Protein backbone atom coordinates (compact mmCIF):
# COMPACT_ATOMS: atom_id res chain seq x y z
CA MET A 1 99.27 -4.26 14.07
CA LYS A 2 102.86 -3.58 13.12
CA LYS A 3 104.54 -0.49 14.52
CA ILE A 4 108.19 0.45 14.73
CA SER A 5 109.71 1.50 18.07
CA PHE A 6 113.09 3.09 18.81
CA LEU A 7 115.08 4.62 21.65
CA PHE A 8 113.51 8.03 22.07
CA LEU A 9 116.54 10.32 22.35
CA SER A 10 115.90 13.77 20.94
CA VAL A 11 113.49 15.65 18.73
CA LEU A 12 114.49 17.88 15.85
CA ILE A 13 112.55 21.06 15.25
CA LEU A 14 112.41 23.13 12.11
CA SER A 15 113.19 26.83 12.32
CA CYS A 16 111.19 28.98 9.94
CA SER A 17 112.00 32.66 9.76
CA SER A 18 109.15 35.14 9.62
CA SER A 19 108.62 37.06 6.41
CA THR A 20 107.36 40.60 6.11
CA ILE A 21 106.39 40.43 2.43
CA LEU A 22 102.67 39.92 3.00
CA LYS A 23 100.81 42.64 4.85
CA GLN A 24 97.35 41.09 5.02
CA LYS A 25 97.60 40.29 8.75
CA LYS A 26 98.51 42.31 11.80
CA ILE A 27 100.03 41.14 15.07
CA ILE A 28 98.60 42.11 18.45
CA GLU A 29 101.42 43.82 20.32
CA VAL A 30 100.85 44.18 24.03
CA GLN A 31 103.96 43.50 26.06
CA LYS A 32 106.84 43.08 23.60
CA SER A 33 107.75 44.37 20.16
CA ASP A 34 107.62 40.82 18.75
CA GLY A 35 103.93 40.59 19.62
CA LEU A 36 104.32 38.09 22.46
CA GLN A 37 101.86 38.22 25.31
CA SER A 38 101.78 36.09 28.42
CA PHE A 39 99.02 34.23 30.25
CA GLN A 40 99.15 33.13 33.86
CA SER A 41 97.66 29.65 33.80
CA LYS A 42 96.00 28.24 36.89
CA HIS A 43 96.08 24.75 35.40
CA LEU A 44 99.82 24.83 34.72
CA ASP A 45 100.78 27.23 37.52
CA GLU A 46 103.01 29.01 35.04
CA ASN A 47 103.14 32.17 32.94
CA LEU A 48 103.03 31.03 29.32
CA PRO A 49 103.90 33.11 26.22
CA TYR A 50 101.63 33.29 23.20
CA LYS A 51 101.00 35.43 20.15
CA VAL A 52 97.77 36.17 18.30
CA ILE A 53 97.82 37.07 14.60
CA LEU A 54 94.61 38.54 13.22
CA PRO A 55 93.23 38.78 9.69
CA GLU A 56 92.51 42.23 8.37
CA ASN A 57 88.99 43.67 8.46
CA LEU A 58 88.29 41.71 11.63
CA LYS A 59 85.02 43.49 12.39
CA SER A 60 83.45 42.63 9.04
CA ILE A 61 84.37 38.93 9.19
CA LYS A 62 84.19 38.22 12.93
CA ASP A 63 81.16 35.93 12.51
CA SER A 64 83.02 33.52 10.21
CA LEU A 65 86.44 33.18 11.81
CA SER A 66 88.43 29.98 12.19
CA LEU A 67 91.28 29.39 14.65
CA LEU A 68 94.67 27.85 13.87
CA VAL A 69 96.71 26.82 16.91
CA LEU A 70 100.43 26.30 16.28
CA LEU A 71 102.41 24.12 18.65
CA ASP A 72 106.09 25.15 18.46
CA GLY A 73 104.65 28.40 17.18
CA ASP A 74 107.96 30.28 17.24
CA ASP A 75 109.13 28.00 14.41
CA TYR A 76 105.99 28.14 12.27
CA SER A 77 104.13 31.42 12.88
CA GLY A 78 105.89 33.30 10.08
CA ILE A 79 105.08 30.77 7.37
CA ALA A 80 101.58 30.25 8.79
CA GLN A 81 100.89 33.97 8.57
CA ASN A 82 101.96 34.11 4.95
CA VAL A 83 100.20 30.91 3.89
CA THR A 84 96.88 31.77 5.53
CA SER A 85 96.99 35.24 3.99
CA LEU A 86 97.45 33.80 0.50
CA TYR A 87 94.90 31.02 1.02
CA GLU A 88 92.33 33.50 2.34
CA PHE A 89 92.94 35.75 -0.66
CA GLY A 90 92.55 32.74 -2.97
CA GLU A 91 89.41 31.66 -1.07
CA LYS A 92 90.93 28.30 -0.16
CA ILE A 93 90.27 28.79 3.56
CA SER A 94 88.03 30.95 5.70
CA PRO A 95 89.48 33.98 7.53
CA THR A 96 91.76 32.62 10.23
CA VAL A 97 93.09 33.80 13.55
CA ILE A 98 96.48 32.27 14.37
CA LEU A 99 97.34 31.40 17.95
CA SER A 100 101.07 30.79 18.14
CA LEU A 101 102.43 28.96 21.19
CA PRO A 102 106.24 29.22 21.44
CA SER A 103 108.03 26.28 23.01
CA THR A 104 111.28 25.22 24.58
CA LYS A 105 112.85 21.80 24.69
CA LYS A 106 111.62 21.34 28.25
CA SER A 107 108.09 22.59 27.58
CA ARG A 108 107.70 20.29 24.56
CA TRP A 109 108.54 17.22 26.61
CA ALA A 110 106.26 18.38 29.41
CA TYR A 111 103.13 19.55 27.57
CA TYR A 112 103.03 17.49 24.37
CA THR A 113 103.39 14.09 26.09
CA PRO A 114 100.15 12.41 27.20
CA THR A 115 101.73 10.24 29.92
CA LYS A 116 104.65 10.26 32.31
CA ASP A 117 106.95 7.71 30.69
CA THR A 118 109.11 5.88 33.19
CA THR A 119 109.84 2.79 31.08
CA ASN A 120 112.25 4.09 28.44
CA VAL A 121 114.36 6.67 30.22
CA GLU A 122 117.77 7.01 28.57
CA GLU A 123 120.90 8.00 30.39
CA GLY A 124 121.38 11.75 30.14
CA PHE A 125 117.68 12.39 29.51
CA GLU A 126 116.42 11.86 33.05
CA ASP A 127 115.52 15.53 33.50
CA LEU A 128 113.40 15.66 30.33
CA TYR A 129 111.56 12.45 31.13
CA SER A 130 110.88 13.65 34.66
CA ARG A 131 108.89 16.52 33.15
CA THR A 132 106.70 14.43 30.86
CA GLY A 133 102.98 13.77 31.10
CA LYS A 134 101.54 17.26 31.60
CA PHE A 135 99.35 17.17 28.51
CA PRO A 136 96.08 17.03 30.52
CA GLN A 137 96.93 20.30 32.26
CA PHE A 138 98.08 21.82 28.96
CA ALA A 139 94.78 20.86 27.33
CA ASP A 140 92.88 22.48 30.20
CA PHE A 141 95.00 25.61 29.78
CA LEU A 142 94.11 25.88 26.10
CA GLY A 143 90.50 24.78 26.28
CA ASN A 144 89.42 26.41 29.54
CA GLU A 145 91.68 29.44 29.80
CA LEU A 146 93.51 30.80 26.77
CA ILE A 147 91.11 30.20 23.87
CA PRO A 148 88.03 31.39 25.81
CA SER A 149 89.91 34.52 26.89
CA ILE A 150 90.81 35.30 23.26
CA GLU A 151 87.22 34.81 22.16
CA LYS A 152 86.02 37.08 24.95
CA GLU A 153 88.62 39.76 24.17
CA LEU A 154 87.77 39.77 20.45
CA GLY A 155 84.03 39.33 20.95
CA ILE A 156 83.89 36.27 18.70
CA LYS A 157 83.14 32.55 18.70
CA PHE A 158 85.35 30.46 16.43
CA GLU A 159 83.42 28.39 13.90
CA GLN A 160 86.23 25.89 13.37
CA LYS A 161 89.40 25.18 15.31
CA THR A 162 92.50 23.51 13.86
CA ILE A 163 95.71 22.48 15.60
CA PHE A 164 99.10 21.84 14.01
CA GLY A 165 102.23 20.24 15.41
CA HIS A 166 105.41 18.50 14.25
CA SER A 167 107.28 15.57 15.84
CA LEU A 168 106.63 15.87 19.59
CA GLY A 169 104.15 18.57 18.58
CA GLY A 170 102.59 16.01 16.24
CA LEU A 171 102.19 13.72 19.23
CA GLY A 172 100.54 16.61 21.05
CA VAL A 173 98.11 17.07 18.15
CA LEU A 174 97.11 13.40 18.27
CA SER A 175 96.77 13.63 22.04
CA PHE A 176 94.14 16.33 21.55
CA ALA A 177 92.36 14.20 18.94
CA VAL A 178 92.34 11.12 21.14
CA LEU A 179 92.02 12.50 24.68
CA ARG A 180 90.33 15.91 24.27
CA PRO A 181 88.34 15.72 20.99
CA GLU A 182 85.90 18.44 22.09
CA LEU A 183 88.50 21.19 21.69
CA PHE A 184 89.34 20.95 17.97
CA GLN A 185 87.66 19.80 14.78
CA ASN A 186 90.71 19.60 12.51
CA TYR A 187 94.19 18.18 13.03
CA ILE A 188 97.49 18.49 11.16
CA SER A 189 100.02 16.05 12.60
CA ALA A 190 103.45 16.10 10.94
CA SER A 191 105.83 13.20 11.63
CA PRO A 192 104.20 12.55 15.02
CA SER A 193 106.29 10.82 17.70
CA THR A 194 103.69 8.10 18.19
CA MET A 195 106.30 5.66 19.53
CA TYR A 196 106.36 7.61 22.80
CA ASP A 197 105.65 5.49 25.89
CA GLN A 198 105.37 2.25 23.92
CA HIS A 199 102.82 3.64 21.48
CA PHE A 200 100.43 4.85 24.16
CA ILE A 201 98.45 6.92 21.64
CA PHE A 202 97.95 3.98 19.26
CA LYS A 203 96.87 1.71 22.10
CA THR A 204 94.35 4.31 23.26
CA ILE A 205 93.03 4.78 19.72
CA GLU A 206 92.41 1.04 19.45
CA GLU A 207 90.62 1.07 22.81
CA LYS A 208 88.35 3.91 21.70
CA GLY A 209 87.74 2.33 18.30
CA ILE A 210 86.47 5.49 16.59
CA LEU A 211 87.70 9.07 16.94
CA GLN A 212 85.58 12.20 16.64
CA PHE A 213 86.96 14.82 14.24
CA ASP A 214 86.15 16.54 10.97
CA SER A 215 89.55 16.43 9.21
CA MET A 216 92.86 14.72 9.92
CA PHE A 217 96.02 15.35 7.87
CA LEU A 218 98.95 13.03 8.65
CA THR A 219 102.43 13.23 7.18
CA ALA A 220 105.93 11.86 7.36
CA ALA A 221 109.03 11.94 5.19
CA LEU A 222 110.10 9.03 3.01
CA ASN A 223 113.49 9.29 4.70
CA ASP A 224 111.87 9.70 8.13
CA GLY A 225 113.73 6.97 10.00
CA ASN A 226 112.96 5.25 13.29
CA GLY A 227 109.43 4.29 12.36
CA TYR A 228 107.73 7.65 11.78
CA ARG A 229 106.64 6.82 8.24
CA GLU A 230 105.44 3.30 9.06
CA ASN A 231 103.45 4.55 12.03
CA VAL A 232 101.72 7.25 9.96
CA GLU A 233 100.83 4.64 7.35
CA TRP A 234 99.35 2.39 10.05
CA LEU A 235 97.30 5.23 11.53
CA LYS A 236 95.95 6.29 8.14
CA GLU A 237 94.81 2.75 7.41
CA TYR A 238 93.23 2.42 10.83
CA LEU A 239 91.30 5.69 10.55
CA ASP A 240 90.11 4.79 7.05
CA ASN A 241 88.70 1.55 8.43
CA HIS A 242 87.17 3.12 11.54
CA LYS A 243 85.42 6.25 10.34
CA LEU A 244 82.71 7.92 12.37
CA ASP A 245 80.80 8.62 9.15
CA ASN A 246 81.39 9.44 5.49
CA ASN A 247 81.90 13.13 6.29
CA GLN A 248 85.10 12.42 8.20
CA ALA A 249 88.08 13.36 6.03
CA VAL A 250 91.44 11.61 6.46
CA ARG A 251 94.51 12.07 4.31
CA SER A 252 98.16 11.13 4.66
CA LYS A 253 101.15 12.24 2.64
CA ILE A 254 104.68 10.87 2.52
CA TYR A 255 107.18 13.47 1.30
CA LYS A 256 109.77 11.81 -0.91
CA ASN A 257 112.45 14.48 -0.73
CA GLU A 258 112.13 15.50 2.92
CA THR A 259 113.60 14.41 6.24
CA HIS A 260 112.14 14.43 9.73
CA ALA A 261 113.44 17.96 10.25
CA THR A 262 111.89 19.40 7.09
CA SER A 263 108.54 17.58 6.89
CA GLY A 264 106.73 20.05 9.15
CA LEU A 265 106.91 23.01 6.78
CA LYS A 266 105.22 21.30 3.83
CA SER A 267 102.77 19.58 6.15
CA LEU A 268 101.49 22.94 7.38
CA ILE A 269 101.09 24.28 3.85
CA ASP A 270 99.36 21.18 2.46
CA GLY A 271 97.38 20.54 5.63
CA LEU A 272 95.76 23.97 5.62
CA GLU A 273 94.70 23.50 2.02
CA PHE A 274 93.28 20.04 2.75
CA ILE A 275 91.30 21.25 5.74
CA GLY A 276 90.03 24.23 3.77
CA LYS A 277 88.42 21.85 1.31
């Protein structure tokens, strides 16, 4: 198995501004005008922000709702709202509730990393690395606290659950697929930072042999340096050769004209369409 490693210095995130052109969704507004709510997590011992975006006519479609969880949600919730509205209107996807989870640089390194990496700590990044490895608690927060509370509040049970993330968020997505597969059925992982902790995620995938999921959409940019593209290509080949059954759908896409910073946007758009199929 050939995988490319590099000195893990910093992660670029893509900022997507929210649009108000489409009016087919509404935002729950409880505490702030931007729709953000907060949840006091016992698992993380922290008050975490989140935002829920609902499809219109919720009562009439509440028995057929899907959930889309956005890691780094402050960067992607605007485009996700518009894309899901259009895809729902075009009957490409089922009605979807969006759960947007805003992040900070510190929270990304803490919650999206599956292990506490002490082997590759770079000078000047000691504080970030000291925070790593809290993915298990983050997964418990989502699976045991936040998502059940949303279902209870809305009086629904999600038929399908999808999670999206880019870069470190992409690593977080794969961490759910590998370590907590009972929480989601579909995964969109854009330019995932699989080189983290000496490819811990890839090593764990090989140990497990076969992963349980319905759909997996993997992407990178052609100009995605430092091994992102090569690692996505390796993972796609591995999953193709180790399918649970013929119903498992795996697709990868390498964007020719994108960089690491810009691959997330198109990955979300294309990934939602792929999963909808």
